[in-house]
Amino acid sequence: MPDSSDRMSEDSYTEDDKWLVVKGRRWRRTDPELESTVVEELKSHLGKARNAVRTAKKNGTEDELKQARRRVDFAKHGLGERGDYWWEMPVEDRRKRAEEALAQLR
């Protein structure tokens, strides 16, 4: 059972902690509780997957595009940028989600 320090309430994070606004559009921030090495690896996979999406759009098959987009989705979920809001989840579950995403991407 996680102790109380492993659970942060939604109120523990400000709106600036949760969201990034670029050109008037709001984007969910990366989960700040993830280990930096995990974030770096997920972002590396995300960059490679985004490149694969671009390549597949130019001269790939529909299947290649679908697979590349799936990899982007795994990385974004792992970072907490998609799926359940990270600030509404126990830290332990957030870290587990990131590790599961990495397992899918490796």
PDB file of N, CA and C in Angstrom:
ATOM      1  N   MET A   1       0.845  -1.187   0.000  1.00  0.00           N
ATOM      2  CA  MET A   1       0.000   0.000   0.000  1.00  0.00           C
ATOM      3  C   MET A   1       0.889   1.249   0.000  1.00  0.00           C
ATOM      4  N   PRO A   2       0.669   2.172  -0.951  1.00  0.00           N
ATOM      5  CA  PRO A   2       1.489   3.367  -1.010  1.00  0.00           C
ATOM      6  C   PRO A   2       1.264   4.251   0.199  1.00  0.00           C
ATOM      7  N   ASP A   3       2.333   4.895   0.661  1.00  0.00           N
ATOM      8  CA  ASP A   3       2.153   5.802   1.789  1.00  0.00           C
ATOM      9  C   ASP A   3       1.632   7.142   1.281  1.00  0.00           C
ATOM     10  N   SER A   4       1.274   8.000   2.209  1.00  0.00           N
ATOM     11  CA  SER A   4       0.650   9.268   1.822  1.00  0.00           C
ATOM     12  C   SER A   4       1.584  10.149   1.002  1.00  0.00           C
ATOM     13  N   SER A   5       2.905   9.997   1.147  1.00  0.00           N
ATOM     14  CA  SER A   5       3.827  10.816   0.367  1.00  0.00           C
ATOM     15  C   SER A   5       3.855  10.389  -1.094  1.00  0.00           C
ATOM     16  N   ASP A   6       3.353   9.186  -1.378  1.00  0.00           N
ATOM     17  CA  ASP A   6       3.333   8.680  -2.744  1.00  0.00           C
ATOM     18  C   ASP A   6       2.047   9.043  -3.459  1.00  0.00           C
ATOM     19  N   ARG A   7       1.162   9.732  -2.785  1.00  0.00           N
ATOM     20  CA  ARG A   7      -0.102  10.164  -3.388  1.00  0.00           C
ATOM     21  C   ARG A   7      -0.195  11.665  -3.254  1.00  0.00           C
ATOM     22  N   MET A   8      -0.240  12.316  -4.365  1.00  0.00           N
ATOM     23  CA  MET A   8      -0.417  13.761  -4.327  1.00  0.00           C
ATOM     24  C   MET A   8      -1.832  14.042  -4.801  1.00  0.00           C
ATOM     25  N   SER A   9      -2.468  14.967  -4.158  1.00  0.00           N
ATOM     26  CA  SER A   9      -3.822  15.295  -4.580  1.00  0.00           C
ATOM     27  C   SER A   9      -3.778  16.196  -5.802  1.00  0.00           C
ATOM     28  N   GLU A  10      -4.885  16.238  -6.481  1.00  0.00           N
ATOM     29  CA  GLU A  10      -4.996  17.094  -7.664  1.00  0.00           C
ATOM     30  C   GLU A  10      -4.687  18.535  -7.289  1.00  0.00           C
ATOM     31  N   ASP A  11      -5.020  18.922  -6.049  1.00  0.00           N
ATOM     32  CA  ASP A  11      -4.801  20.287  -5.587  1.00  0.00           C
ATOM     33  C   ASP A  11      -3.327  20.608  -5.372  1.00  0.00           C
ATOM     34  N   SER A  12      -2.469  19.601  -5.383  1.00  0.00           N
ATOM     35  CA  SER A  12      -1.046  19.822  -5.165  1.00  0.00           C
ATOM     36  C   SER A  12      -0.361  20.440  -6.370  1.00  0.00           C
ATOM     37  N   TYR A  13      -1.007  20.453  -7.494  1.00  0.00           N
ATOM     38  CA  TYR A  13      -0.430  20.966  -8.730  1.00  0.00           C
ATOM     39  C   TYR A  13      -1.192  22.200  -9.189  1.00  0.00           C
ATOM     40  N   THR A  14      -0.456  23.198  -9.641  1.00  0.00           N
ATOM     41  CA  THR A  14      -1.089  24.397 -10.189  1.00  0.00           C
ATOM     42  C   THR A  14      -1.475  24.133 -11.641  1.00  0.00           C
ATOM     43  N   GLU A  15      -2.255  25.014 -12.200  1.00  0.00           N
ATOM     44  CA  GLU A  15      -2.614  24.894 -13.609  1.00  0.00           C
ATOM     45  C   GLU A  15      -1.366  24.963 -14.487  1.00  0.00           C
ATOM     46  N   ASP A  16      -0.380  25.772 -14.076  1.00  0.00           N
ATOM     47  CA  ASP A  16       0.874  25.860 -14.826  1.00  0.00           C
ATOM     48  C   ASP A  16       1.675  24.565 -14.753  1.00  0.00           C
ATOM     49  N   ASP A  17       1.506  23.795 -13.663  1.00  0.00           N
ATOM     50  CA  ASP A  17       2.162  22.488 -13.555  1.00  0.00           C
ATOM     51  C   ASP A  17       1.526  21.486 -14.517  1.00  0.00           C
ATOM     52  N   LYS A  18       0.246  21.647 -14.759  1.00  0.00           N
ATOM     53  CA  LYS A  18      -0.518  20.674 -15.544  1.00  0.00           C
ATOM     54  C   LYS A  18      -0.525  20.974 -17.041  1.00  0.00           C
ATOM     55  N   TRP A  19      -0.521  22.240 -17.404  1.00  0.00           N
ATOM     56  CA  TRP A  19      -0.763  22.618 -18.787  1.00  0.00           C
ATOM     57  C   TRP A  19       0.309  23.572 -19.312  1.00  0.00           C
ATOM     58  N   LEU A  20       0.564  23.459 -20.608  1.00  0.00           N
ATOM     59  CA  LEU A  20       1.445  24.355 -21.340  1.00  0.00           C
ATOM     60  C   LEU A  20       0.596  24.964 -22.448  1.00  0.00           C
ATOM     61  N   VAL A  21       0.650  26.272 -22.599  1.00  0.00           N
ATOM     62  CA  VAL A  21      -0.133  26.933 -23.634  1.00  0.00           C
ATOM     63  C   VAL A  21       0.818  27.435 -24.718  1.00  0.00           C
ATOM     64  N   VAL A  22       0.576  26.985 -25.939  1.00  0.00           N
ATOM     65  CA  VAL A  22       1.373  27.392 -27.095  1.00  0.00           C
ATOM     66  C   VAL A  22       0.420  27.906 -28.162  1.00  0.00           C
ATOM     67  N   LYS A  23       0.609  29.158 -28.546  1.00  0.00           N
ATOM     68  CA  LYS A  23      -0.237  29.790 -29.554  1.00  0.00           C
ATOM     69  C   LYS A  23      -1.719  29.622 -29.249  1.00  0.00           C
ATOM     70  N   GLY A  24      -2.051  29.805 -27.983  1.00  0.00           N
ATOM     71  CA  GLY A  24      -3.437  29.743 -27.561  1.00  0.00           C
ATOM     72  C   GLY A  24      -4.009  28.349 -27.378  1.00  0.00           C
ATOM     73  N   ARG A  25      -3.203  27.338 -27.671  1.00  0.00           N
ATOM     74  CA  ARG A  25      -3.677  25.955 -27.515  1.00  0.00           C
ATOM     75  C   ARG A  25      -3.057  25.344 -26.262  1.00  0.00           C
ATOM     76  N   ARG A  26      -3.875  24.661 -25.480  1.00  0.00           N
ATOM     77  CA  ARG A  26      -3.437  24.076 -24.219  1.00  0.00           C
ATOM     78  C   ARG A  26      -2.999  22.628 -24.425  1.00  0.00           C
ATOM     79  N   TRP A  27      -1.796  22.306 -23.957  1.00  0.00           N
ATOM     80  CA  TRP A  27      -1.238  20.963 -24.058  1.00  0.00           C
ATOM     81  C   TRP A  27      -0.910  20.460 -22.663  1.00  0.00           C
ATOM     82  N   ARG A  28      -1.149  19.184 -22.447  1.00  0.00           N
ATOM     83  CA  ARG A  28      -0.832  18.594 -21.153  1.00  0.00           C
ATOM     84  C   ARG A  28       0.677  18.455 -21.004  1.00  0.00           C
ATOM     85  N   ARG A  29       1.182  18.828 -19.846  1.00  0.00           N
ATOM     86  CA  ARG A  29       2.616  18.715 -19.563  1.00  0.00           C
ATOM     87  C   ARG A  29       2.982  17.274 -19.225  1.00  0.00           C
ATOM     88  N   THR A  30       4.264  16.980 -19.372  1.00  0.00           N
ATOM     89  CA  THR A  30       4.809  15.688 -18.969  1.00  0.00           C
ATOM     90  C   THR A  30       4.702  15.557 -17.454  1.00  0.00           C
ATOM     91  N   ASP A  31       4.426  14.367 -16.976  1.00  0.00           N
ATOM     92  CA  ASP A  31       4.315  14.078 -15.556  1.00  0.00           C
ATOM     93  C   ASP A  31       5.626  14.441 -14.849  1.00  0.00           C
ATOM     94  N   PRO A  32       5.594  15.370 -13.888  1.00  0.00           N
ATOM     95  CA  PRO A  32       6.822  15.801 -13.221  1.00  0.00           C
ATOM     96  C   PRO A  32       7.382  14.782 -12.222  1.00  0.00           C
ATOM     97  N   GLU A  33       6.624  13.753 -11.907  1.00  0.00           N
ATOM     98  CA  GLU A  33       7.077  12.763 -10.923  1.00  0.00           C
ATOM     99  C   GLU A  33       7.868  11.612 -11.550  1.00  0.00           C
ATOM    100  N   LEU A  34       7.985  11.596 -12.875  1.00  0.00           N
ATOM    101  CA  LEU A  34       8.722  10.521 -13.532  1.00  0.00           C
ATOM    102  C   LEU A  34      10.218  10.770 -13.414  1.00  0.00           C
ATOM    103  N   GLU A  35      10.978   9.682 -13.308  1.00  0.00           N
ATOM    104  CA  GLU A  35      12.431   9.779 -13.259  1.00  0.00           C
ATOM    105  C   GLU A  35      12.941  10.410 -14.551  1.00  0.00           C
ATOM    106  N   SER A  36      13.965  11.229 -14.458  1.00  0.00           N
ATOM    107  CA  SER A  36      14.479  11.923 -15.642  1.00  0.00           C
ATOM    108  C   SER A  36      14.963  10.946 -16.713  1.00  0.00           C
ATOM    109  N   THR A  37      15.523   9.815 -16.313  1.00  0.00           N
ATOM    110  CA  THR A  37      15.995   8.842 -17.309  1.00  0.00           C
ATOM    111  C   THR A  37      14.822   8.228 -18.066  1.00  0.00           C
ATOM    112  N   VAL A  38      13.712   8.025 -17.386  1.00  0.00           N
ATOM    113  CA  VAL A  38      12.511   7.478 -18.021  1.00  0.00           C
ATOM    114  C   VAL A  38      11.952   8.506 -19.005  1.00  0.00           C
ATOM    115  N   VAL A  39      11.892   9.764 -18.583  1.00  0.00           N
ATOM    116  CA  VAL A  39      11.386  10.828 -19.460  1.00  0.00           C
ATOM    117  C   VAL A  39      12.274  10.945 -20.690  1.00  0.00           C
ATOM    118  N   GLU A  40      13.583  10.930 -20.500  1.00  0.00           N
ATOM    119  CA  GLU A  40      14.508  11.037 -21.637  1.00  0.00           C
ATOM    120  C   GLU A  40      14.301   9.894 -22.626  1.00  0.00           C
ATOM    121  N   GLU A  41      14.156   8.676 -22.112  1.00  0.00           N
ATOM    122  CA  GLU A  41      13.972   7.530 -23.003  1.00  0.00           C
ATOM    123  C   GLU A  41      12.630   7.611 -23.731  1.00  0.00           C
ATOM    124  N   LEU A  42      11.580   7.983 -23.020  1.00  0.00           N
ATOM    125  CA  LEU A  42      10.269   8.118 -23.663  1.00  0.00           C
ATOM    126  C   LEU A  42      10.287   9.215 -24.721  1.00  0.00           C
ATOM    127  N   LYS A  43      10.943  10.330 -24.427  1.00  0.00           N
ATOM    128  CA  LYS A  43      11.019  11.415 -25.409  1.00  0.00           C
ATOM    129  C   LYS A  43      11.850  11.014 -26.618  1.00  0.00           C
ATOM    130  N   SER A  44      12.872  10.200 -26.411  1.00  0.00           N
ATOM    131  CA  SER A  44      13.653   9.694 -27.538  1.00  0.00           C
ATOM    132  C   SER A  44      12.780   8.827 -28.437  1.00  0.00           C
ATOM    133  N   HIS A  45      12.018   7.930 -27.821  1.00  0.00           N
ATOM    134  CA  HIS A  45      11.091   7.093 -28.591  1.00  0.00           C
ATOM    135  C   HIS A  45      10.039   7.951 -29.301  1.00  0.00           C
ATOM    136  N   LEU A  46       9.565   8.990 -28.619  1.00  0.00           N
ATOM    137  CA  LEU A  46       8.566   9.883 -29.206  1.00  0.00           C
ATOM    138  C   LEU A  46       9.129  10.574 -30.450  1.00  0.00           C
ATOM    139  N   GLY A  47      10.341  11.079 -30.356  1.00  0.00           N
ATOM    140  CA  GLY A  47      10.956  11.741 -31.509  1.00  0.00           C
ATOM    141  C   GLY A  47      11.129  10.797 -32.683  1.00  0.00           C
ATOM    142  N   LYS A  48      11.585   9.587 -32.409  1.00  0.00           N
ATOM    143  CA  LYS A  48      11.752   8.596 -33.478  1.00  0.00           C
ATOM    144  C   LYS A  48      10.402   8.229 -34.095  1.00  0.00           C
ATOM    145  N   ALA A  49       9.390   8.103 -33.255  1.00  0.00           N
ATOM    146  CA  ALA A  49       8.062   7.747 -33.753  1.00  0.00           C
ATOM    147  C   ALA A  49       7.480   8.874 -34.602  1.00  0.00           C
ATOM    148  N   ARG A  50       7.691  10.113 -34.188  1.00  0.00           N
ATOM    149  CA  ARG A  50       7.198  11.246 -34.978  1.00  0.00           C
ATOM    150  C   ARG A  50       7.895  11.293 -36.334  1.00  0.00           C
ATOM    151  N   ASN A  51       9.188  11.008 -36.351  1.00  0.00           N
ATOM    152  CA  ASN A  51       9.907  10.943 -37.627  1.00  0.00           C
ATOM    153  C   ASN A  51       9.347   9.833 -38.502  1.00  0.00           C
ATOM    154  N   ALA A  52       9.021   8.705 -37.877  1.00  0.00           N
ATOM    155  CA  ALA A  52       8.452   7.577 -38.626  1.00  0.00           C
ATOM    156  C   ALA A  52       7.083   7.946 -39.200  1.00  0.00           C
ATOM    157  N   VAL A  53       6.312   8.742 -38.470  1.00  0.00           N
ATOM    158  CA  VAL A  53       5.019   9.200 -38.979  1.00  0.00           C
ATOM    159  C   VAL A  53       5.236  10.062 -40.223  1.00  0.00           C
ATOM    160  N   ARG A  54       6.176  11.014 -40.139  1.00  0.00           N
ATOM    161  CA  ARG A  54       6.462  11.868 -41.297  1.00  0.00           C
ATOM    162  C   ARG A  54       6.896  11.047 -42.507  1.00  0.00           C
ATOM    163  N   THR A  55       7.797  10.097 -42.262  1.00  0.00           N
ATOM    164  CA  THR A  55       8.291   9.259 -43.353  1.00  0.00           C
ATOM    165  C   THR A  55       7.167   8.427 -43.959  1.00  0.00           C
ATOM    166  N   ALA A  56       6.342   7.842 -43.102  1.00  0.00           N
ATOM    167  CA  ALA A  56       5.241   7.003 -43.590  1.00  0.00           C
ATOM    168  C   ALA A  56       4.218   7.821 -44.374  1.00  0.00           C
ATOM    169  N   LYS A  57       4.012   9.067 -43.974  1.00  0.00           N
ATOM    170  CA  LYS A  57       3.077   9.924 -44.710  1.00  0.00           C
ATOM    171  C   LYS A  57       3.595  10.211 -46.113  1.00  0.00           C
ATOM    172  N   LYS A  58       4.919  10.371 -46.230  1.00  0.00           N
ATOM    173  CA  LYS A  58       5.511  10.703 -47.532  1.00  0.00           C
ATOM    174  C   LYS A  58       5.593   9.503 -48.460  1.00  0.00           C
ATOM    175  N   ASN A  59       6.104   8.385 -47.956  1.00  0.00           N
ATOM    176  CA  ASN A  59       6.324   7.253 -48.858  1.00  0.00           C
ATOM    177  C   ASN A  59       6.175   5.898 -48.185  1.00  0.00           C
ATOM    178  N   GLY A  60       5.326   5.837 -47.187  1.00  0.00           N
ATOM    179  CA  GLY A  60       5.103   4.564 -46.519  1.00  0.00           C
ATOM    180  C   GLY A  60       3.722   4.015 -46.805  1.00  0.00           C
ATOM    181  N   THR A  61       3.458   2.887 -46.198  1.00  0.00           N
ATOM    182  CA  THR A  61       2.145   2.259 -46.347  1.00  0.00           C
ATOM    183  C   THR A  61       1.219   2.717 -45.219  1.00  0.00           C
ATOM    184  N   GLU A  62      -0.054   2.438 -45.377  1.00  0.00           N
ATOM    185  CA  GLU A  62      -1.025   2.746 -44.314  1.00  0.00           C
ATOM    186  C   GLU A  62      -0.654   2.007 -43.029  1.00  0.00           C
ATOM    187  N   ASP A  63      -0.197   0.773 -43.178  1.00  0.00           N
ATOM    188  CA  ASP A  63       0.186  -0.020 -42.009  1.00  0.00           C
ATOM    189  C   ASP A  63       1.381   0.600 -41.287  1.00  0.00           C
ATOM    190  N   GLU A  64       2.356   1.082 -42.041  1.00  0.00           N
ATOM    191  CA  GLU A  64       3.519   1.733 -41.432  1.00  0.00           C
ATOM    192  C   GLU A  64       3.107   3.012 -40.702  1.00  0.00           C
ATOM    193  N   LEU A  65       2.200   3.760 -41.292  1.00  0.00           N
ATOM    194  CA  LEU A  65       1.697   4.973 -40.656  1.00  0.00           C
ATOM    195  C   LEU A  65       0.951   4.635 -39.371  1.00  0.00           C
ATOM    196  N   LYS A  66       0.126   3.624 -39.423  1.00  0.00           N
ATOM    197  CA  LYS A  66      -0.628   3.197 -38.240  1.00  0.00           C
ATOM    198  C   LYS A  66       0.315   2.762 -37.120  1.00  0.00           C
ATOM    199  N   GLN A  67       1.336   1.992 -37.457  1.00  0.00           N
ATOM    200  CA  GLN A  67       2.303   1.536 -36.455  1.00  0.00           C
ATOM    201  C   GLN A  67       3.077   2.709 -35.854  1.00  0.00           C
ATOM    202  N   ALA A  68       3.463   3.660 -36.683  1.00  0.00           N
ATOM    203  CA  ALA A  68       4.208   4.819 -36.193  1.00  0.00           C
ATOM    204  C   ALA A  68       3.336   5.657 -35.254  1.00  0.00           C
ATOM    205  N   ARG A  69       2.091   5.859 -35.633  1.00  0.00           N
ATOM    206  CA  ARG A  69       1.179   6.622 -34.770  1.00  0.00           C
ATOM    207  C   ARG A  69       0.933   5.899 -33.446  1.00  0.00           C
ATOM    208  N   ARG A  70       0.886   4.579 -33.505  1.00  0.00           N
ATOM    209  CA  ARG A  70       0.711   3.791 -32.276  1.00  0.00           C
ATOM    210  C   ARG A  70       1.896   4.000 -31.336  1.00  0.00           C
ATOM    211  N   ARG A  71       3.103   4.080 -31.900  1.00  0.00           N
ATOM    212  CA  ARG A  71       4.299   4.305 -31.086  1.00  0.00           C
ATOM    213  C   ARG A  71       4.285   5.718 -30.473  1.00  0.00           C
ATOM    214  N   VAL A  72       3.817   6.699 -31.228  1.00  0.00           N
ATOM    215  CA  VAL A  72       3.662   8.051 -30.676  1.00  0.00           C
ATOM    216  C   VAL A  72       2.699   7.992 -29.497  1.00  0.00           C
ATOM    217  N   ASP A  73       1.594   7.290 -29.674  1.00  0.00           N
ATOM    218  CA  ASP A  73       0.586   7.184 -28.622  1.00  0.00           C
ATOM    219  C   ASP A  73       1.145   6.515 -27.364  1.00  0.00           C
ATOM    220  N   PHE A  74       1.906   5.436 -27.532  1.00  0.00           N
ATOM    221  CA  PHE A  74       2.530   4.779 -26.373  1.00  0.00           C
ATOM    222  C   PHE A  74       3.427   5.759 -25.617  1.00  0.00           C
ATOM    223  N   ALA A  75       4.262   6.472 -26.347  1.00  0.00           N
ATOM    224  CA  ALA A  75       5.185   7.410 -25.706  1.00  0.00           C
ATOM    225  C   ALA A  75       4.425   8.525 -24.987  1.00  0.00           C
ATOM    226  N   LYS A  76       3.403   9.086 -25.639  1.00  0.00           N
ATOM    227  CA  LYS A  76       2.636  10.169 -25.031  1.00  0.00           C
ATOM    228  C   LYS A  76       1.900   9.694 -23.775  1.00  0.00           C
ATOM    229  N   HIS A  77       1.354   8.478 -23.821  1.00  0.00           N
ATOM    230  CA  HIS A  77       0.716   7.922 -22.620  1.00  0.00           C
ATOM    231  C   HIS A  77       1.744   7.747 -21.508  1.00  0.00           C
ATOM    232  N   GLY A  78       2.900   7.212 -21.851  1.00  0.00           N
ATOM    233  CA  GLY A  78       3.946   7.002 -20.850  1.00  0.00           C
ATOM    234  C   GLY A  78       4.384   8.290 -20.188  1.00  0.00           C
ATOM    235  N   LEU A  79       4.436   9.355 -20.953  1.00  0.00           N
ATOM    236  CA  LEU A  79       4.827  10.662 -20.420  1.00  0.00           C
ATOM    237  C   LEU A  79       3.703  11.322 -19.619  1.00  0.00           C
ATOM    238  N   GLY A  80       2.503  10.755 -19.702  1.00  0.00           N
ATOM    239  CA  GLY A  80       1.356  11.328 -19.001  1.00  0.00           C
ATOM    240  C   GLY A  80       0.649  12.402 -19.810  1.00  0.00           C
ATOM    241  N   GLU A  81       1.024  12.548 -21.077  1.00  0.00           N
ATOM    242  CA  GLU A  81       0.451  13.588 -21.917  1.00  0.00           C
ATOM    243  C   GLU A  81      -0.849  13.159 -22.590  1.00  0.00           C
ATOM    244  N   ARG A  82      -1.181  11.899 -22.469  1.00  0.00           N
ATOM    245  CA  ARG A  82      -2.455  11.354 -22.955  1.00  0.00           C
ATOM    246  C   ARG A  82      -2.972  10.373 -21.917  1.00  0.00           C
ATOM    247  N   GLY A  83      -4.233  10.011 -22.093  1.00  0.00           N
ATOM    248  CA  GLY A  83      -4.831   9.053 -21.161  1.00  0.00           C
ATOM    249  C   GLY A  83      -5.343   9.765 -19.917  1.00  0.00           C
ATOM    250  N   ASP A  84      -5.447   9.011 -18.832  1.00  0.00           N
ATOM    251  CA  ASP A  84      -5.910   9.591 -17.569  1.00  0.00           C
ATOM    252  C   ASP A  84      -4.985  10.727 -17.153  1.00  0.00           C
ATOM    253  N   TYR A  85      -5.562  11.765 -16.582  1.00  0.00           N
ATOM    254  CA  TYR A  85      -4.750  12.887 -16.104  1.00  0.00           C
ATOM    255  C   TYR A  85      -3.799  12.399 -15.023  1.00  0.00           C
ATOM    256  N   TRP A  86      -2.507  12.680 -15.195  1.00  0.00           N
ATOM    257  CA  TRP A  86      -1.521  12.178 -14.244  1.00  0.00           C
ATOM    258  C   TRP A  86      -1.749  12.735 -12.852  1.00  0.00           C
ATOM    259  N   TRP A  87      -2.234  13.947 -12.727  1.00  0.00           N
ATOM    260  CA  TRP A  87      -2.424  14.558 -11.416  1.00  0.00           C
ATOM    261  C   TRP A  87      -3.608  13.969 -10.659  1.00  0.00           C
ATOM    262  N   GLU A  88      -4.394  13.130 -11.314  1.00  0.00           N
ATOM    263  CA  GLU A  88      -5.503  12.456 -10.638  1.00  0.00           C
ATOM    264  C   GLU A  88      -5.147  11.016 -10.255  1.00  0.00           C
ATOM    265  N   MET A  89      -3.914  10.617 -10.530  1.00  0.00           N
ATOM    266  CA  MET A  89      -3.480   9.235 -10.285  1.00  0.00           C
ATOM    267  C   MET A  89      -2.441   9.198  -9.168  1.00  0.00           C
ATOM    268  N   PRO A  90      -2.378   8.072  -8.415  1.00  0.00           N
ATOM    269  CA  PRO A  90      -1.285   7.907  -7.465  1.00  0.00           C
ATOM    270  C   PRO A  90       0.053   7.862  -8.221  1.00  0.00           C
ATOM    271  N   VAL A  91       1.092   8.397  -7.620  1.00  0.00           N
ATOM    272  CA  VAL A  91       2.408   8.442  -8.259  1.00  0.00           C
ATOM    273  C   VAL A  91       2.863   7.049  -8.675  1.00  0.00           C
ATOM    274  N   GLU A  92       2.611   6.060  -7.865  1.00  0.00           N
ATOM    275  CA  GLU A  92       3.010   4.681  -8.187  1.00  0.00           C
ATOM    276  C   GLU A  92       2.385   4.222  -9.511  1.00  0.00           C
ATOM    277  N   ASP A  93       1.113   4.534  -9.719  1.00  0.00           N
ATOM    278  CA  ASP A  93       0.430   4.155 -10.966  1.00  0.00           C
ATOM    279  C   ASP A  93       0.983   4.921 -12.158  1.00  0.00           C
ATOM    280  N   ARG A  94       1.364   6.161 -11.931  1.00  0.00           N
ATOM    281  CA  ARG A  94       1.925   6.978 -13.007  1.00  0.00           C
ATOM    282  C   ARG A  94       3.267   6.409 -13.461  1.00  0.00           C
ATOM    283  N   ARG A  95       4.070   6.033 -12.501  1.00  0.00           N
ATOM    284  CA  ARG A  95       5.377   5.453 -12.834  1.00  0.00           C
ATOM    285  C   ARG A  95       5.211   4.099 -13.519  1.00  0.00           C
ATOM    286  N   LYS A  96       4.242   3.324 -13.081  1.00  0.00           N
ATOM    287  CA  LYS A  96       3.977   2.028 -13.706  1.00  0.00           C
ATOM    288  C   LYS A  96       3.531   2.222 -15.155  1.00  0.00           C
ATOM    289  N   ARG A  97       2.687   3.206 -15.399  1.00  0.00           N
ATOM    290  CA  ARG A  97       2.223   3.498 -16.760  1.00  0.00           C
ATOM    291  C   ARG A  97       3.411   3.843 -17.659  1.00  0.00           C
ATOM    292  N   ALA A  98       4.347   4.618 -17.146  1.00  0.00           N
ATOM    293  CA  ALA A  98       5.529   4.994 -17.930  1.00  0.00           C
ATOM    294  C   ALA A  98       6.381   3.767 -18.244  1.00  0.00           C
ATOM    295  N   GLU A  99       6.584   2.900 -17.262  1.00  0.00           N
ATOM    296  CA  GLU A  99       7.381   1.686 -17.475  1.00  0.00           C
ATOM    297  C   GLU A  99       6.706   0.745 -18.468  1.00  0.00           C
ATOM    298  N   GLU A 100       5.391   0.641 -18.402  1.00  0.00           N
ATOM    299  CA  GLU A 100       4.659  -0.203 -19.348  1.00  0.00           C
ATOM    300  C   GLU A 100       4.772   0.347 -20.769  1.00  0.00           C
ATOM    301  N   ALA A 101       4.730   1.652 -20.901  1.00  0.00           N
ATOM    302  CA  ALA A 101       4.888   2.262 -22.227  1.00  0.00           C
ATOM    303  C   ALA A 101       6.286   1.977 -22.773  1.00  0.00           C
ATOM    304  N   LEU A 102       7.297   2.106 -21.920  1.00  0.00           N
ATOM    305  CA  LEU A 102       8.658   1.814 -22.363  1.00  0.00           C
ATOM    306  C   LEU A 102       8.791   0.356 -22.790  1.00  0.00           C
ATOM    307  N   ALA A 103       8.156  -0.532 -22.066  1.00  0.00           N
ATOM    308  CA  ALA A 103       8.218  -1.958 -22.422  1.00  0.00           C
ATOM    309  C   ALA A 103       7.626  -2.180 -23.818  1.00  0.00           C
ATOM    310  N   GLN A 104       6.582  -1.458 -24.156  1.00  0.00           N
ATOM    311  CA  GLN A 104       5.958  -1.577 -25.479  1.00  0.00           C
ATOM    312  C   GLN A 104       6.853  -0.988 -26.575  1.00  0.00           C
ATOM    313  N   LEU A 105       7.627   0.023 -26.217  1.00  0.00           N
ATOM    314  CA  LEU A 105       8.447   0.723 -27.198  1.00  0.00           C
ATOM    315  C   LEU A 105       9.826   0.120 -27.417  1.00  0.00           C
ATOM    316  N   ARG A 106      10.290  -0.674 -26.491  1.00  0.00           N
ATOM    317  CA  ARG A 106      11.640  -1.249 -26.598  1.00  0.00           C
ATOM    318  C   ARG A 106      11.670  -2.398 -27.569  1.00  0.00           C
TER     319      ARG A 106
END
